Amino acid sequence: MAFRKSVSQEELRQTMSPERLEQQKTTYQASRGGHFPAEDQPTPGTPQNGPRAD
């Protein structure tokens, strides 16, 4: 029986498509006890609500 070569996490990430990487994003939340799927974050510099009607 042959030994299997260990594959580093970096090598695995390099072979993943950008779409797959986006699906695998997680954030660490200590209050919930671990890593959970990342929520969409707003892009800095973009308005959260549409244009203001002054």
C-alpha atoms as a PDB file:
ATOM      1  CA  MET A   1       0.000   0.000   0.000  1.00  0.00           C
ATOM      2  CA  ALA A   2       1.471   3.360  -1.016  1.00  0.00           C
ATOM      3  CA  PHE A   3       1.441   6.461   1.126  1.00  0.00           C
ATOM      4  CA  ARG A   4      -0.584   9.402  -0.069  1.00  0.00           C
ATOM      5  CA  LYS A   5       1.093  12.756  -0.546  1.00  0.00           C
ATOM      6  CA  SER A   6      -0.227  15.499   1.698  1.00  0.00           C
ATOM      7  CA  VAL A   7      -1.618  18.473  -0.181  1.00  0.00           C
ATOM      8  CA  SER A   8      -1.254  21.905   1.406  1.00  0.00           C
ATOM      9  CA  GLN A   9      -4.248  24.203   1.792  1.00  0.00           C
ATOM     10  CA  GLU A  10      -2.492  26.783  -0.395  1.00  0.00           C
ATOM     11  CA  GLU A  11      -2.147  24.249  -3.212  1.00  0.00           C
ATOM     12  CA  LEU A  12      -5.835  23.357  -2.913  1.00  0.00           C
ATOM     13  CA  ARG A  13      -6.843  27.040  -3.092  1.00  0.00           C
ATOM     14  CA  GLN A  14      -4.779  27.544  -6.245  1.00  0.00           C
ATOM     15  CA  THR A  15      -6.693  24.815  -8.063  1.00  0.00           C
ATOM     16  CA  MET A  16     -10.142  26.166  -7.100  1.00  0.00           C
ATOM     17  CA  SER A  17     -12.096  28.408  -9.443  1.00  0.00           C
ATOM     18  CA  PRO A  18     -12.890  31.981  -8.284  1.00  0.00           C
ATOM     19  CA  GLU A  19     -16.593  31.085  -8.037  1.00  0.00           C
ATOM     20  CA  ARG A  20     -15.801  28.138  -5.784  1.00  0.00           C
ATOM     21  CA  LEU A  21     -13.521  30.276  -3.598  1.00  0.00           C
ATOM     22  CA  GLU A  22     -16.358  32.795  -3.194  1.00  0.00           C
ATOM     23  CA  GLN A  23     -18.703  30.015  -2.046  1.00  0.00           C
ATOM     24  CA  GLN A  24     -16.182  28.753   0.517  1.00  0.00           C
ATOM     25  CA  LYS A  25     -15.649  32.078   2.333  1.00  0.00           C
ATOM     26  CA  THR A  26     -16.107  31.934   6.088  1.00  0.00           C
ATOM     27  CA  THR A  27     -15.697  34.356   8.951  1.00  0.00           C
ATOM     28  CA  TYR A  28     -14.756  33.553  12.527  1.00  0.00           C
ATOM     29  CA  GLN A  29     -17.392  34.496  15.084  1.00  0.00           C
ATOM     30  CA  ALA A  30     -16.254  33.836  18.641  1.00  0.00           C
ATOM     31  CA  SER A  31     -19.715  34.569  20.041  1.00  0.00           C
ATOM     32  CA  ARG A  32     -21.132  31.707  17.965  1.00  0.00           C
ATOM     33  CA  GLY A  33     -18.174  29.417  18.548  1.00  0.00           C
ATOM     34  CA  GLY A  34     -16.370  29.058  15.249  1.00  0.00           C
ATOM     35  CA  HIS A  35     -16.297  29.659  11.514  1.00  0.00           C
ATOM     36  CA  PHE A  36     -19.543  30.350   9.681  1.00  0.00           C
ATOM     37  CA  PRO A  37     -20.384  31.290   6.075  1.00  0.00           C
ATOM     38  CA  ALA A  38     -19.510  34.913   5.401  1.00  0.00           C
ATOM     39  CA  GLU A  39     -22.322  37.417   4.999  1.00  0.00           C
ATOM     40  CA  ASP A  40     -22.221  39.889   2.142  1.00  0.00           C
ATOM     41  CA  GLN A  41     -20.343  42.987   3.245  1.00  0.00           C
ATOM     42  CA  PRO A  42     -20.996  46.432   1.761  1.00  0.00           C
ATOM     43  CA  THR A  43     -18.272  47.828  -0.469  1.00  0.00           C
ATOM     44  CA  PRO A  44     -16.546  50.800   1.164  1.00  0.00           C
ATOM     45  CA  GLY A  45     -17.392  54.121  -0.479  1.00  0.00           C
ATOM     46  CA  THR A  46     -20.729  53.080  -1.978  1.00  0.00           C
ATOM     47  CA  PRO A  47     -24.002  54.491  -0.640  1.00  0.00           C
ATOM     48  CA  GLN A  48     -26.149  51.990   1.268  1.00  0.00           C
ATOM     49  CA  ASN A  49     -29.415  53.655   0.330  1.00  0.00           C
ATOM     50  CA  GLY A  50     -30.102  55.064  -3.093  1.00  0.00           C
ATOM     51  CA  PRO A  51     -29.536  58.745  -3.905  1.00  0.00           C
ATOM     52  CA  ARG A  52     -30.826  61.206  -1.327  1.00  0.00           C
ATOM     53  CA  ALA A  53     -33.863  63.280  -2.233  1.00  0.00           C
ATOM     54  CA  ASP A  54     -33.141  66.735  -0.745  1.00  0.00           C
END
